[in-house]
Amino acid sequence: MTDDTFIDAKPSLTERAQVTARDAVETRDDINAILGKAVDGLTGALDYARRPGKPLDTVARLTRDAPLASLFVAFMVGVAFARRR
């Protein structure tokens, strides 16, 4: 004698909520892993670009040497981008 009433029964609200919560946690963990890899990649790229003779090192050195000139250039670049829109 078998009871087939449970085979066709839909999951209860509690069961559906548990499954949804479990899926949300798994999705969050996946997103955290992906973002962690992206941050590590960006950190590595920035560390590489800050080495002596690389672009960020050059910009930093120029900014320290002539802060007003750098500010003027940044302002002019901002004006150029603003006018395009």
PDB file of N, CA and C in Angstrom:
ATOM      1  N   MET A   1       0.842  -1.160   0.000  1.00  0.00           N
ATOM      2  CA  MET A   1       0.000   0.000   0.000  1.00  0.00           C
ATOM      3  C   MET A   1       0.901   1.241   0.000  1.00  0.00           C
ATOM      4  N   THR A   2       0.733   2.071  -1.024  1.00  0.00           N
ATOM      5  CA  THR A   2       1.525   3.289  -1.119  1.00  0.00           C
ATOM      6  C   THR A   2       0.611   4.488  -1.055  1.00  0.00           C
ATOM      7  N   ASP A   3       1.138   5.548  -0.571  1.00  0.00           N
ATOM      8  CA  ASP A   3       0.374   6.790  -0.461  1.00  0.00           C
ATOM      9  C   ASP A   3       0.883   7.747  -1.537  1.00  0.00           C
ATOM     10  N   ASP A   4       0.113   7.920  -2.625  1.00  0.00           N
ATOM     11  CA  ASP A   4       0.524   8.760  -3.745  1.00  0.00           C
ATOM     12  C   ASP A   4       0.118  10.222  -3.573  1.00  0.00           C
ATOM     13  N   THR A   5      -0.456  10.566  -2.476  1.00  0.00           N
ATOM     14  CA  THR A   5      -0.902  11.949  -2.297  1.00  0.00           C
ATOM     15  C   THR A   5       0.280  12.909  -2.178  1.00  0.00           C
ATOM     16  N   PHE A   6       1.409  12.436  -1.695  1.00  0.00           N
ATOM     17  CA  PHE A   6       2.578  13.311  -1.528  1.00  0.00           C
ATOM     18  C   PHE A   6       3.376  13.478  -2.826  1.00  0.00           C
ATOM     19  N   ILE A   7       3.194  12.599  -3.782  1.00  0.00           N
ATOM     20  CA  ILE A   7       3.935  12.685  -5.040  1.00  0.00           C
ATOM     21  C   ILE A   7       3.491  13.905  -5.839  1.00  0.00           C
ATOM     22  N   ASP A   8       2.203  14.150  -5.901  1.00  0.00           N
ATOM     23  CA  ASP A   8       1.665  15.257  -6.683  1.00  0.00           C
ATOM     24  C   ASP A   8       1.528  16.540  -5.877  1.00  0.00           C
ATOM     25  N   ALA A   9       1.863  16.501  -4.599  1.00  0.00           N
ATOM     26  CA  ALA A   9       1.689  17.675  -3.757  1.00  0.00           C
ATOM     27  C   ALA A   9       2.733  18.732  -4.112  1.00  0.00           C
ATOM     28  N   LYS A  10       2.309  19.979  -4.099  1.00  0.00           N
ATOM     29  CA  LYS A  10       3.227  21.089  -4.353  1.00  0.00           C
ATOM     30  C   LYS A  10       3.986  21.395  -3.066  1.00  0.00           C
ATOM     31  N   PRO A  11       5.214  21.933  -3.213  1.00  0.00           N
ATOM     32  CA  PRO A  11       5.963  22.271  -1.997  1.00  0.00           C
ATOM     33  C   PRO A  11       5.259  23.385  -1.228  1.00  0.00           C
ATOM     34  N   SER A  12       5.427  23.333   0.069  1.00  0.00           N
ATOM     35  CA  SER A  12       4.783  24.337   0.911  1.00  0.00           C
ATOM     36  C   SER A  12       5.500  25.675   0.772  1.00  0.00           C
ATOM     37  N   LEU A  13       4.905  26.695   1.306  1.00  0.00           N
ATOM     38  CA  LEU A  13       5.480  28.032   1.262  1.00  0.00           C
ATOM     39  C   LEU A  13       6.838  28.055   1.966  1.00  0.00           C
ATOM     40  N   THR A  14       6.945  27.343   3.057  1.00  0.00           N
ATOM     41  CA  THR A  14       8.198  27.279   3.807  1.00  0.00           C
ATOM     42  C   THR A  14       9.296  26.623   2.973  1.00  0.00           C
ATOM     43  N   GLU A  15       8.959  25.516   2.314  1.00  0.00           N
ATOM     44  CA  GLU A  15       9.943  24.831   1.481  1.00  0.00           C
ATOM     45  C   GLU A  15      10.390  25.704   0.315  1.00  0.00           C
ATOM     46  N   ARG A  16       9.450  26.396  -0.298  1.00  0.00           N
ATOM     47  CA  ARG A  16       9.802  27.280  -1.417  1.00  0.00           C
ATOM     48  C   ARG A  16      10.684  28.420  -0.936  1.00  0.00           C
ATOM     49  N   ALA A  17      10.402  28.952   0.253  1.00  0.00           N
ATOM     50  CA  ALA A  17      11.217  30.036   0.808  1.00  0.00           C
ATOM     51  C   ALA A  17      12.628  29.544   1.108  1.00  0.00           C
ATOM     52  N   GLN A  18      12.750  28.327   1.622  1.00  0.00           N
ATOM     53  CA  GLN A  18      14.069  27.769   1.902  1.00  0.00           C
ATOM     54  C   GLN A  18      14.870  27.574   0.621  1.00  0.00           C
ATOM     55  N   VAL A  19      14.228  27.078  -0.420  1.00  0.00           N
ATOM     56  CA  VAL A  19      14.910  26.877  -1.696  1.00  0.00           C
ATOM     57  C   VAL A  19      15.335  28.225  -2.280  1.00  0.00           C
ATOM     58  N   THR A  20      14.456  29.211  -2.197  1.00  0.00           N
ATOM     59  CA  THR A  20      14.784  30.547  -2.709  1.00  0.00           C
ATOM     60  C   THR A  20      15.947  31.149  -1.934  1.00  0.00           C
ATOM     61  N   ALA A  21      15.939  31.003  -0.623  1.00  0.00           N
ATOM     62  CA  ALA A  21      17.030  31.535   0.200  1.00  0.00           C
ATOM     63  C   ALA A  21      18.337  30.823  -0.120  1.00  0.00           C
ATOM     64  N   ARG A  22      18.287  29.515  -0.304  1.00  0.00           N
ATOM     65  CA  ARG A  22      19.488  28.751  -0.638  1.00  0.00           C
ATOM     66  C   ARG A  22      20.032  29.198  -2.001  1.00  0.00           C
ATOM     67  N   ASP A  23      19.146  29.399  -2.975  1.00  0.00           N
ATOM     68  CA  ASP A  23      19.582  29.874  -4.294  1.00  0.00           C
ATOM     69  C   ASP A  23      20.187  31.267  -4.205  1.00  0.00           C
ATOM     70  N   ALA A  24      19.603  32.127  -3.378  1.00  0.00           N
ATOM     71  CA  ALA A  24      20.135  33.486  -3.224  1.00  0.00           C
ATOM     72  C   ALA A  24      21.530  33.457  -2.606  1.00  0.00           C
ATOM     73  N   VAL A  25      21.755  32.591  -1.641  1.00  0.00           N
ATOM     74  CA  VAL A  25      23.061  32.480  -1.007  1.00  0.00           C
ATOM     75  C   VAL A  25      24.091  31.961  -2.009  1.00  0.00           C
ATOM     76  N   GLU A  26      23.706  30.975  -2.802  1.00  0.00           N
ATOM     77  CA  GLU A  26      24.623  30.451  -3.818  1.00  0.00           C
ATOM     78  C   GLU A  26      24.958  31.521  -4.854  1.00  0.00           C
ATOM     79  N   THR A  27      23.970  32.289  -5.264  1.00  0.00           N
ATOM     80  CA  THR A  27      24.195  33.365  -6.233  1.00  0.00           C
ATOM     81  C   THR A  27      25.108  34.421  -5.639  1.00  0.00           C
ATOM     82  N   ARG A  28      24.869  34.775  -4.388  1.00  0.00           N
ATOM     83  CA  ARG A  28      25.725  35.756  -3.709  1.00  0.00           C
ATOM     84  C   ARG A  28      27.163  35.275  -3.647  1.00  0.00           C
ATOM     85  N   ASP A  29      27.352  34.004  -3.330  1.00  0.00           N
ATOM     86  CA  ASP A  29      28.699  33.446  -3.250  1.00  0.00           C
ATOM     87  C   ASP A  29      29.382  33.474  -4.616  1.00  0.00           C
ATOM     88  N   ASP A  30      28.617  33.157  -5.677  1.00  0.00           N
ATOM     89  CA  ASP A  30      29.178  33.204  -7.031  1.00  0.00           C
ATOM     90  C   ASP A  30      29.586  34.628  -7.404  1.00  0.00           C
ATOM     91  N   ILE A  31      28.732  35.583  -7.085  1.00  0.00           N
ATOM     92  CA  ILE A  31      29.022  36.989  -7.399  1.00  0.00           C
ATOM     93  C   ILE A  31      30.239  37.461  -6.607  1.00  0.00           C
ATOM     94  N   ASN A  32      30.322  37.084  -5.345  1.00  0.00           N
ATOM     95  CA  ASN A  32      31.482  37.463  -4.529  1.00  0.00           C
ATOM     96  C   ASN A  32      32.776  36.900  -5.109  1.00  0.00           C
ATOM     97  N   ALA A  33      32.732  35.661  -5.591  1.00  0.00           N
ATOM     98  CA  ALA A  33      33.926  35.053  -6.174  1.00  0.00           C
ATOM     99  C   ALA A  33      34.329  35.785  -7.455  1.00  0.00           C
ATOM    100  N   ILE A  34      33.353  36.106  -8.289  1.00  0.00           N
ATOM    101  CA  ILE A  34      33.635  36.810  -9.544  1.00  0.00           C
ATOM    102  C   ILE A  34      34.190  38.200  -9.260  1.00  0.00           C
ATOM    103  N   LEU A  35      33.554  38.921  -8.345  1.00  0.00           N
ATOM    104  CA  LEU A  35      34.045  40.263  -8.012  1.00  0.00           C
ATOM    105  C   LEU A  35      35.425  40.217  -7.366  1.00  0.00           C
ATOM    106  N   GLY A  36      35.678  39.211  -6.562  1.00  0.00           N
ATOM    107  CA  GLY A  36      36.993  39.061  -5.954  1.00  0.00           C
ATOM    108  C   GLY A  36      38.077  38.869  -7.004  1.00  0.00           C
ATOM    109  N   LYS A  37      37.791  38.040  -8.019  1.00  0.00           N
ATOM    110  CA  LYS A  37      38.759  37.849  -9.101  1.00  0.00           C
ATOM    111  C   LYS A  37      38.962  39.136  -9.886  1.00  0.00           C
ATOM    112  N   ALA A  38      37.878  39.891 -10.120  1.00  0.00           N
ATOM    113  CA  ALA A  38      37.993  41.150 -10.850  1.00  0.00           C
ATOM    114  C   ALA A  38      38.823  42.161 -10.069  1.00  0.00           C
ATOM    115  N   VAL A  39      38.593  42.250  -8.777  1.00  0.00           N
ATOM    116  CA  VAL A  39      39.358  43.185  -7.944  1.00  0.00           C
ATOM    117  C   VAL A  39      40.828  42.786  -7.915  1.00  0.00           C
ATOM    118  N   ASP A  40      41.107  41.493  -7.817  1.00  0.00           N
ATOM    119  CA  ASP A  40      42.500  41.041  -7.832  1.00  0.00           C
ATOM    120  C   ASP A  40      43.172  41.396  -9.148  1.00  0.00           C
ATOM    121  N   GLY A  41      42.452  41.235 -10.260  1.00  0.00           N
ATOM    122  CA  GLY A  41      43.008  41.586 -11.561  1.00  0.00           C
ATOM    123  C   GLY A  41      43.282  43.071 -11.688  1.00  0.00           C
ATOM    124  N   LEU A  42      42.345  43.894 -11.222  1.00  0.00           N
ATOM    125  CA  LEU A  42      42.543  45.338 -11.276  1.00  0.00           C
ATOM    126  C   LEU A  42      43.684  45.782 -10.356  1.00  0.00           C
ATOM    127  N   THR A  43      43.769  45.175  -9.201  1.00  0.00           N
ATOM    128  CA  THR A  43      44.856  45.504  -8.279  1.00  0.00           C
ATOM    129  C   THR A  43      46.207  45.186  -8.911  1.00  0.00           C
ATOM    130  N   GLY A  44      46.290  44.041  -9.560  1.00  0.00           N
ATOM    131  CA  GLY A  44      47.536  43.673 -10.236  1.00  0.00           C
ATOM    132  C   GLY A  44      47.877  44.639 -11.364  1.00  0.00           C
ATOM    133  N   ALA A  45      46.858  45.029 -12.136  1.00  0.00           N
ATOM    134  CA  ALA A  45      47.092  45.975 -13.235  1.00  0.00           C
ATOM    135  C   ALA A  45      47.549  47.329 -12.704  1.00  0.00           C
ATOM    136  N   LEU A  46      46.927  47.791 -11.627  1.00  0.00           N
ATOM    137  CA  LEU A  46      47.331  49.076 -11.037  1.00  0.00           C
ATOM    138  C   LEU A  46      48.732  49.006 -10.444  1.00  0.00           C
ATOM    139  N   ASP A  47      49.050  47.906  -9.796  1.00  0.00           N
ATOM    140  CA  ASP A  47      50.403  47.748  -9.249  1.00  0.00           C
ATOM    141  C   ASP A  47      51.438  47.765 -10.372  1.00  0.00           C
ATOM    142  N   TYR A  48      51.118  47.113 -11.484  1.00  0.00           N
ATOM    143  CA  TYR A  48      52.025  47.107 -12.627  1.00  0.00           C
ATOM    144  C   TYR A  48      52.166  48.517 -13.204  1.00  0.00           C
ATOM    145  N   ALA A  49      51.055  49.247 -13.316  1.00  0.00           N
ATOM    146  CA  ALA A  49      51.084  50.593 -13.907  1.00  0.00           C
ATOM    147  C   ALA A  49      51.776  51.608 -13.003  1.00  0.00           C
ATOM    148  N   ARG A  50      51.915  51.297 -11.719  1.00  0.00           N
ATOM    149  CA  ARG A  50      52.578  52.222 -10.788  1.00  0.00           C
ATOM    150  C   ARG A  50      54.084  52.019 -10.716  1.00  0.00           C
ATOM    151  N   ARG A  51      54.589  51.005 -11.382  1.00  0.00           N
ATOM    152  CA  ARG A  51      56.041  50.766 -11.353  1.00  0.00           C
ATOM    153  C   ARG A  51      56.768  51.924 -12.017  1.00  0.00           C
ATOM    154  N   PRO A  52      58.008  52.156 -11.622  1.00  0.00           N
ATOM    155  CA  PRO A  52      58.773  53.270 -12.211  1.00  0.00           C
ATOM    156  C   PRO A  52      58.829  53.185 -13.738  1.00  0.00           C
ATOM    157  N   GLY A  53      58.537  54.330 -14.366  1.00  0.00           N
ATOM    158  CA  GLY A  53      58.567  54.408 -15.819  1.00  0.00           C
ATOM    159  C   GLY A  53      57.258  54.046 -16.497  1.00  0.00           C
ATOM    160  N   LYS A  54      56.303  53.526 -15.750  1.00  0.00           N
ATOM    161  CA  LYS A  54      54.999  53.161 -16.313  1.00  0.00           C
ATOM    162  C   LYS A  54      54.064  54.369 -16.264  1.00  0.00           C
ATOM    163  N   PRO A  55      52.912  54.306 -16.942  1.00  0.00           N
ATOM    164  CA  PRO A  55      52.043  55.483 -17.078  1.00  0.00           C
ATOM    165  C   PRO A  55      51.603  56.142 -15.768  1.00  0.00           C
ATOM    166  N   LEU A  56      51.145  55.379 -14.803  1.00  0.00           N
ATOM    167  CA  LEU A  56      50.668  56.001 -13.563  1.00  0.00           C
ATOM    168  C   LEU A  56      51.807  56.636 -12.780  1.00  0.00           C
ATOM    169  N   ASP A  57      52.984  56.049 -12.847  1.00  0.00           N
ATOM    170  CA  ASP A  57      54.142  56.654 -12.191  1.00  0.00           C
ATOM    171  C   ASP A  57      54.477  57.989 -12.845  1.00  0.00           C
ATOM    172  N   THR A  58      54.409  58.035 -14.167  1.00  0.00           N
ATOM    173  CA  THR A  58      54.701  59.278 -14.890  1.00  0.00           C
ATOM    174  C   THR A  58      53.688  60.362 -14.544  1.00  0.00           C
ATOM    175  N   VAL A  59      52.407  60.007 -14.530  1.00  0.00           N
ATOM    176  CA  VAL A  59      51.363  60.980 -14.185  1.00  0.00           C
ATOM    177  C   VAL A  59      51.535  61.464 -12.749  1.00  0.00           C
ATOM    178  N   ALA A  60      51.835  60.564 -11.836  1.00  0.00           N
ATOM    179  CA  ALA A  60      52.021  60.951 -10.436  1.00  0.00           C
ATOM    180  C   ALA A  60      53.214  61.888 -10.279  1.00  0.00           C
ATOM    181  N   ARG A  61      54.294  61.594 -10.991  1.00  0.00           N
ATOM    182  CA  ARG A  61      55.480  62.441 -10.912  1.00  0.00           C
ATOM    183  C   ARG A  61      55.195  63.828 -11.476  1.00  0.00           C
ATOM    184  N   LEU A  62      54.496  63.876 -12.621  1.00  0.00           N
ATOM    185  CA  LEU A  62      54.158  65.172 -13.214  1.00  0.00           C
ATOM    186  C   LEU A  62      53.229  65.975 -12.307  1.00  0.00           C
ATOM    187  N   THR A  63      52.312  65.307 -11.662  1.00  0.00           N
ATOM    188  CA  THR A  63      51.380  65.986 -10.766  1.00  0.00           C
ATOM    189  C   THR A  63      52.111  66.556  -9.554  1.00  0.00           C
ATOM    190  N   ARG A  64      53.076  65.818  -9.022  1.00  0.00           N
ATOM    191  CA  ARG A  64      53.850  66.324  -7.900  1.00  0.00           C
ATOM    192  C   ARG A  64      54.734  67.503  -8.307  1.00  0.00           C
ATOM    193  N   ASP A  65      55.285  67.424  -9.523  1.00  0.00           N
ATOM    194  CA  ASP A  65      56.187  68.482  -9.984  1.00  0.00           C
ATOM    195  C   ASP A  65      55.439  69.766 -10.320  1.00  0.00           C
ATOM    196  N   ALA A  66      54.249  69.655 -10.929  1.00  0.00           N
ATOM    197  CA  ALA A  66      53.513  70.845 -11.368  1.00  0.00           C
ATOM    198  C   ALA A  66      52.026  70.662 -11.089  1.00  0.00           C
ATOM    199  N   PRO A  67      51.594  70.819  -9.826  1.00  0.00           N
ATOM    200  CA  PRO A  67      50.185  70.548  -9.490  1.00  0.00           C
ATOM    201  C   PRO A  67      49.211  71.497 -10.187  1.00  0.00           C
ATOM    202  N   LEU A  68      49.551  72.766 -10.342  1.00  0.00           N
ATOM    203  CA  LEU A  68      48.620  73.692 -10.992  1.00  0.00           C
ATOM    204  C   LEU A  68      48.478  73.392 -12.474  1.00  0.00           C
ATOM    205  N   ALA A  69      49.568  73.061 -13.128  1.00  0.00           N
ATOM    206  CA  ALA A  69      49.493  72.707 -14.546  1.00  0.00           C
ATOM    207  C   ALA A  69      48.661  71.438 -14.735  1.00  0.00           C
ATOM    208  N   SER A  70      48.829  70.470 -13.845  1.00  0.00           N
ATOM    209  CA  SER A  70      48.047  69.230 -13.929  1.00  0.00           C
ATOM    210  C   SER A  70      46.571  69.509 -13.701  1.00  0.00           C
ATOM    211  N   LEU A  71      46.271  70.387 -12.759  1.00  0.00           N
ATOM    212  CA  LEU A  71      44.885  70.753 -12.500  1.00  0.00           C
ATOM    213  C   LEU A  71      44.276  71.434 -13.717  1.00  0.00           C
ATOM    214  N   PHE A  72      45.031  72.303 -14.361  1.00  0.00           N
ATOM    215  CA  PHE A  72      44.550  72.988 -15.558  1.00  0.00           C
ATOM    216  C   PHE A  72      44.271  71.992 -16.681  1.00  0.00           C
ATOM    217  N   VAL A  73      45.168  71.051 -16.891  1.00  0.00           N
ATOM    218  CA  VAL A  73      44.970  70.042 -17.933  1.00  0.00           C
ATOM    219  C   VAL A  73      43.736  69.199 -17.623  1.00  0.00           C
ATOM    220  N   ALA A  74      43.568  68.797 -16.383  1.00  0.00           N
ATOM    221  CA  ALA A  74      42.392  68.007 -16.003  1.00  0.00           C
ATOM    222  C   ALA A  74      41.113  68.802 -16.220  1.00  0.00           C
ATOM    223  N   PHE A  75      41.148  70.085 -15.902  1.00  0.00           N
ATOM    224  CA  PHE A  75      39.983  70.941 -16.110  1.00  0.00           C
ATOM    225  C   PHE A  75      39.652  71.034 -17.596  1.00  0.00           C
ATOM    226  N   MET A  76      40.657  71.227 -18.434  1.00  0.00           N
ATOM    227  CA  MET A  76      40.430  71.355 -19.873  1.00  0.00           C
ATOM    228  C   MET A  76      39.910  70.047 -20.478  1.00  0.00           C
ATOM    229  N   VAL A  77      40.400  68.935 -20.010  1.00  0.00           N
ATOM    230  CA  VAL A  77      39.891  67.645 -20.481  1.00  0.00           C
ATOM    231  C   VAL A  77      38.431  67.492 -20.072  1.00  0.00           C
ATOM    232  N   GLY A  78      38.093  67.894 -18.851  1.00  0.00           N
ATOM    233  CA  GLY A  78      36.699  67.838 -18.396  1.00  0.00           C
ATOM    234  C   GLY A  78      35.808  68.730 -19.236  1.00  0.00           C
ATOM    235  N   VAL A  79      36.270  69.912 -19.570  1.00  0.00           N
ATOM    236  CA  VAL A  79      35.491  70.823 -20.421  1.00  0.00           C
ATOM    237  C   VAL A  79      35.282  70.194 -21.798  1.00  0.00           C
ATOM    238  N   ALA A  80      36.318  69.593 -22.368  1.00  0.00           N
ATOM    239  CA  ALA A  80      36.206  68.977 -23.685  1.00  0.00           C
ATOM    240  C   ALA A  80      35.176  67.846 -23.674  1.00  0.00           C
ATOM    241  N   PHE A  81      35.182  67.018 -22.628  1.00  0.00           N
ATOM    242  CA  PHE A  81      34.211  65.925 -22.541  1.00  0.00           C
ATOM    243  C   PHE A  81      32.805  66.457 -22.303  1.00  0.00           C
ATOM    244  N   ALA A  82      32.673  67.511 -21.525  1.00  0.00           N
ATOM    245  CA  ALA A  82      31.352  68.074 -21.230  1.00  0.00           C
ATOM    246  C   ALA A  82      30.722  68.682 -22.488  1.00  0.00           C
ATOM    247  N   ARG A  83      31.515  69.296 -23.319  1.00  0.00           N
ATOM    248  CA  ARG A  83      30.985  69.921 -24.541  1.00  0.00           C
ATOM    249  C   ARG A  83      30.518  68.886 -25.542  1.00  0.00           C
ATOM    250  N   ARG A  84      31.079  67.713 -25.534  1.00  0.00           N
ATOM    251  CA  ARG A  84      30.654  66.659 -26.474  1.00  0.00           C
ATOM    252  C   ARG A  84      29.260  66.170 -26.180  1.00  0.00           C
ATOM    253  N   ARG A  85      28.837  66.286 -24.976  1.00  0.00           N
ATOM    254  CA  ARG A  85      27.506  65.790 -24.598  1.00  0.00           C
ATOM    255  C   ARG A  85      26.563  66.891 -24.776  1.00  0.00           C
TER     256      ARG A  85
END
